[in-house]
Amino acid sequence: MTKVDKMMLLSQISLFDELPMDELQVIDDLSEMRPVKKGSVIISPDKPLQALFFLKEGQVRLYRMNHQGKQFTVDILTSGNIFGETSTLSLTDDQIYAEAMTDTYLCIMGVDEFEDFIVKNPKIAIKLINILSNRLKEVYSLSEKIALSDVKYRVVYLLVKLSEKTGKRKKEWQTINMKLTHADIANMIGSTRETTSAIISQLKKDGLIKKGLRLSIDADRAYELLNDL
């Protein structure tokens, strides 16, 4: 990857999208751009790494694992997102696994370098607080739906949230612009793949979701359904 390519990728990370070119140059000098193959575990409780990871291209799954080995997906991040932790800032925690769901490009910055950088760029610190706050709200909201709803409503709620995060609206249909298997969905809502697959099939028959190049959801009908809870 050339220096020009790296600078272009950095400028498209949401945290840095308002930085002038000279500040991007500083980040370029302090960080390492690394390709990661699909299926690679980037961080885990057994392989902690005090660093921040800026996701330029690809898709990363954050998940936990219980003592029985069952996985629960906390979040799926797409291009422009950030994860990792330093001594003063945590966008994950020490029990989180991060796995590349597709071939991925990461920009990695060490703890000391990043903390020095945000001292000089307080606007970046404010953006980080907003990112963390929004992520916590999403986790709390999803946890509430999982606790209070049956599996059908959990699936609909998750698909709506993923479409809000990644999709585009065309009339009533809102796309979900990420690669997502039935097992991924099941892991995010605390269900089995078989049950999740059966419900997704029924939602397709009911006309609430459809599959083209990407999965799409009838957003208006989905909001009406969820408002009835």
Protein backbone atom coordinates (compact mmCIF):
# COMPACT_ATOMS: atom_id res chain seq x y z
CA MET A 1 0.00 0.00 0.00
CA THR A 2 1.39 3.40 -0.97
CA LYS A 3 1.58 6.39 1.37
CA VAL A 4 -1.11 8.15 -0.70
CA ASP A 5 -3.43 5.13 -0.38
CA LYS A 6 -2.92 5.03 3.39
CA MET A 7 -3.67 8.74 3.78
CA MET A 8 -6.85 8.34 1.74
CA LEU A 9 -7.97 5.42 3.92
CA LEU A 10 -7.25 7.38 7.09
CA SER A 11 -9.30 10.34 5.87
CA GLN A 12 -12.33 8.06 5.45
CA ILE A 13 -12.32 6.80 9.05
CA SER A 14 -15.23 8.55 10.77
CA LEU A 15 -13.15 9.64 13.76
CA PHE A 16 -10.73 11.53 11.51
CA ASP A 17 -13.06 12.84 8.80
CA GLU A 18 -12.74 16.48 9.85
CA LEU A 19 -8.98 16.55 10.39
CA PRO A 20 -6.78 18.67 8.12
CA MET A 21 -4.14 16.94 6.01
CA ASP A 22 -1.26 17.88 8.31
CA GLU A 23 -2.97 16.10 11.26
CA LEU A 24 -3.62 13.06 9.06
CA GLN A 25 0.08 13.11 8.28
CA VAL A 26 0.82 12.87 12.03
CA ILE A 27 -1.50 9.86 12.36
CA ASP A 28 0.12 8.30 9.30
CA ASP A 29 3.54 8.60 10.93
CA LEU A 30 2.28 7.15 14.25
CA SER A 31 0.22 4.27 12.94
CA GLU A 32 0.58 1.03 11.04
CA MET A 33 -1.83 -0.09 8.31
CA ARG A 34 -2.23 -3.86 8.38
CA PRO A 35 -4.23 -6.31 6.23
CA VAL A 36 -6.09 -9.00 8.21
CA LYS A 37 -7.43 -12.20 6.64
CA LYS A 38 -11.03 -13.32 7.05
CA GLY A 39 -11.44 -15.48 10.17
CA SER A 40 -8.40 -14.05 11.99
CA VAL A 41 -8.84 -13.25 15.69
CA ILE A 42 -7.44 -9.75 16.21
CA ILE A 43 -7.75 -9.50 20.00
CA SER A 44 -8.96 -11.94 22.67
CA PRO A 45 -8.76 -12.42 26.46
CA ASP A 46 -5.76 -14.69 25.80
CA LYS A 47 -4.20 -12.23 23.35
CA PRO A 48 -4.85 -8.74 24.74
CA LEU A 49 -3.31 -5.80 22.95
CA GLN A 50 -3.26 -2.27 24.34
CA ALA A 51 -3.91 -0.37 21.13
CA LEU A 52 -6.68 1.28 19.15
CA PHE A 53 -7.80 -0.25 15.87
CA PHE A 54 -9.33 1.91 13.15
CA LEU A 55 -11.36 -0.20 10.75
CA LYS A 56 -10.89 1.16 7.26
CA GLU A 57 -12.13 -1.65 5.06
CA GLY A 58 -13.98 -4.81 5.98
CA GLN A 59 -16.13 -6.09 8.81
CA VAL A 60 -15.20 -7.08 12.39
CA ARG A 61 -17.30 -9.02 14.90
CA LEU A 62 -16.94 -8.28 18.62
CA TYR A 63 -18.11 -11.19 20.79
CA ARG A 64 -17.92 -12.79 24.21
CA MET A 65 -17.63 -16.50 25.02
CA ASN A 66 -19.02 -18.25 28.10
CA HIS A 67 -17.45 -21.19 29.96
CA GLN A 68 -19.32 -23.64 27.72
CA GLY A 69 -17.81 -22.07 24.62
CA LYS A 70 -21.06 -20.44 23.45
CA GLN A 71 -20.49 -17.15 21.66
CA PHE A 72 -22.58 -14.01 22.05
CA THR A 73 -21.97 -11.28 19.47
CA VAL A 74 -21.85 -7.83 21.07
CA ASP A 75 -21.47 -5.80 17.88
CA ILE A 76 -20.57 -5.99 14.21
CA LEU A 77 -18.41 -3.12 13.01
CA THR A 78 -18.07 -1.94 9.44
CA SER A 79 -15.70 0.44 7.65
CA GLY A 80 -14.98 3.70 9.50
CA ASN A 81 -15.39 2.25 13.01
CA ILE A 82 -12.97 1.99 15.92
CA PHE A 83 -12.32 -0.58 18.67
CA GLY A 84 -9.67 -1.50 21.24
CA GLU A 85 -8.48 0.04 24.49
CA THR A 86 -5.78 2.07 26.18
CA SER A 87 -5.08 2.66 29.86
CA THR A 88 -7.50 5.62 29.94
CA LEU A 89 -10.02 4.68 27.25
CA SER A 90 -11.83 1.44 26.51
CA LEU A 91 -14.02 0.83 23.49
CA THR A 92 -14.08 -2.91 24.29
CA ASP A 93 -13.13 -4.78 27.47
CA ASP A 94 -10.73 -7.56 28.47
CA GLN A 95 -13.29 -10.32 27.81
CA ILE A 96 -14.00 -9.31 24.22
CA TYR A 97 -12.88 -11.19 21.12
CA ALA A 98 -12.53 -9.33 17.81
CA GLU A 99 -12.67 -11.43 14.64
CA ALA A 100 -12.36 -10.35 11.01
CA MET A 101 -15.55 -11.43 9.23
CA THR A 102 -14.10 -10.45 5.84
CA ASP A 103 -10.64 -9.60 4.54
CA THR A 104 -9.99 -6.37 6.41
CA TYR A 105 -7.65 -3.38 6.57
CA LEU A 106 -6.86 -2.03 10.04
CA CYS A 107 -4.97 1.07 11.06
CA ILE A 108 -3.28 0.33 14.42
CA MET A 109 -2.01 2.98 16.82
CA GLY A 110 -0.17 2.29 20.06
CA VAL A 111 -1.35 3.53 23.46
CA ASP A 112 1.24 6.24 24.10
CA GLU A 113 1.04 7.63 20.57
CA PHE A 114 -2.74 7.86 20.60
CA GLU A 115 -3.01 9.42 24.06
CA ASP A 116 -0.43 12.05 23.13
CA PHE A 117 -2.37 12.74 19.95
CA ILE A 118 -5.75 13.31 21.64
CA VAL A 119 -4.18 15.65 24.21
CA LYS A 120 -3.25 17.85 21.27
CA ASN A 121 -6.61 17.27 19.52
CA PRO A 122 -9.41 17.57 22.10
CA LYS A 123 -12.09 17.39 19.40
CA ILE A 124 -11.02 13.79 18.78
CA ALA A 125 -11.52 13.03 22.49
CA ILE A 126 -15.08 14.42 22.30
CA LYS A 127 -15.80 12.27 19.24
CA LEU A 128 -14.53 9.20 21.08
CA ILE A 129 -16.86 9.92 24.01
CA ASN A 130 -19.78 10.17 21.59
CA ILE A 131 -18.82 6.88 19.91
CA LEU A 132 -18.57 5.11 23.27
CA SER A 133 -21.85 6.62 24.49
CA ASN A 134 -23.74 5.58 21.35
CA ARG A 135 -22.29 2.07 21.49
CA LEU A 136 -23.34 1.66 25.12
CA LYS A 137 -26.87 2.84 24.27
CA GLU A 138 -27.07 0.25 21.49
CA VAL A 139 -25.87 -2.55 23.78
CA TYR A 140 -28.32 -1.60 26.55
CA SER A 141 -31.21 -1.33 24.09
CA LEU A 142 -30.43 -4.68 22.48
CA SER A 143 -30.03 -6.33 25.90
CA GLU A 144 -33.48 -5.04 26.93
CA LYS A 145 -35.10 -6.40 23.76
CA ILE A 146 -33.40 -9.77 24.24
CA ALA A 147 -34.62 -9.96 27.83
CA LEU A 148 -38.22 -8.92 27.13
CA SER A 149 -39.07 -10.16 23.63
CA ASP A 150 -39.56 -13.48 21.89
CA VAL A 151 -37.14 -14.46 19.13
CA LYS A 152 -39.19 -12.99 16.26
CA TYR A 153 -39.10 -9.50 17.76
CA ARG A 154 -35.41 -9.84 18.60
CA VAL A 155 -34.62 -10.65 14.95
CA VAL A 156 -36.70 -7.74 13.65
CA TYR A 157 -35.18 -5.32 16.16
CA LEU A 158 -31.63 -6.38 15.30
CA LEU A 159 -32.20 -6.10 11.54
CA VAL A 160 -33.72 -2.64 11.96
CA LYS A 161 -30.72 -1.48 14.00
CA LEU A 162 -28.22 -2.93 11.54
CA SER A 163 -30.07 -1.28 8.66
CA GLU A 164 -29.96 2.07 10.50
CA LYS A 165 -26.22 1.65 11.02
CA THR A 166 -25.18 0.49 7.55
CA GLY A 167 -28.08 0.72 5.10
CA LYS A 168 -29.69 3.00 2.58
CA ARG A 169 -33.41 3.76 2.30
CA LYS A 170 -35.32 3.34 -0.94
CA LYS A 171 -39.07 3.90 -0.46
CA GLU A 172 -40.12 1.54 2.33
CA TRP A 173 -37.08 -0.74 2.02
CA GLN A 174 -33.90 -0.22 4.00
CA THR A 175 -30.83 -2.29 3.14
CA ILE A 176 -28.42 -4.01 5.52
CA ASN A 177 -25.03 -3.42 3.91
CA MET A 178 -22.96 -6.07 5.63
CA LYS A 179 -22.25 -9.75 5.20
CA LEU A 180 -24.40 -11.57 7.72
CA THR A 181 -25.19 -15.26 8.19
CA HIS A 182 -28.10 -16.74 10.13
CA ALA A 183 -25.54 -17.93 12.69
CA ASP A 184 -24.27 -14.33 13.09
CA ILE A 185 -27.82 -13.13 13.76
CA ALA A 186 -28.47 -15.99 16.20
CA ASN A 187 -25.29 -15.15 18.12
CA MET A 188 -26.39 -11.53 18.47
CA ILE A 189 -29.86 -12.29 19.85
CA GLY A 190 -29.08 -15.29 22.05
CA SER A 191 -30.91 -17.89 19.96
CA THR A 192 -30.07 -20.98 17.92
CA ARG A 193 -29.27 -20.89 14.22
CA GLU A 194 -32.16 -23.26 13.46
CA THR A 195 -34.75 -21.12 15.23
CA THR A 196 -33.34 -17.95 13.68
CA SER A 197 -33.41 -19.46 10.17
CA ALA A 198 -37.04 -20.52 10.59
CA ILE A 199 -38.07 -17.03 11.71
CA ILE A 200 -36.18 -15.32 8.88
CA SER A 201 -37.92 -17.62 6.38
CA GLN A 202 -41.30 -16.66 7.88
CA LEU A 203 -40.44 -12.94 7.78
CA LYS A 204 -39.62 -13.31 4.07
CA LYS A 205 -42.98 -15.02 3.46
CA ASP A 206 -44.71 -12.21 5.37
CA GLY A 207 -42.99 -9.63 3.16
CA LEU A 208 -41.19 -7.94 6.04
CA ILE A 209 -37.72 -8.70 4.68
CA LYS A 210 -36.38 -9.59 1.23
CA LYS A 211 -33.09 -10.82 -0.16
CA GLY A 212 -31.43 -9.30 -3.19
CA LEU A 213 -27.74 -8.49 -3.37
CA ARG A 214 -28.21 -7.49 0.27
CA LEU A 215 -30.87 -8.22 2.86
CA SER A 216 -33.51 -5.46 3.10
CA ILE A 217 -36.23 -4.78 5.65
CA ASP A 218 -39.54 -2.94 5.30
CA ALA A 219 -38.58 -0.29 7.85
CA ASP A 220 -42.03 1.26 8.34
CA ARG A 221 -43.71 -2.10 9.01
CA ALA A 222 -40.84 -3.14 11.27
CA TYR A 223 -41.16 0.04 13.37
CA GLU A 224 -44.93 -0.50 13.67
CA LEU A 225 -44.36 -4.08 14.82
CA LEU A 226 -41.79 -3.05 17.42
CA ASN A 227 -43.95 -0.17 18.68
CA ASP A 228 -46.62 -2.71 19.59
CA LEU A 229 -44.32 -4.33 22.15
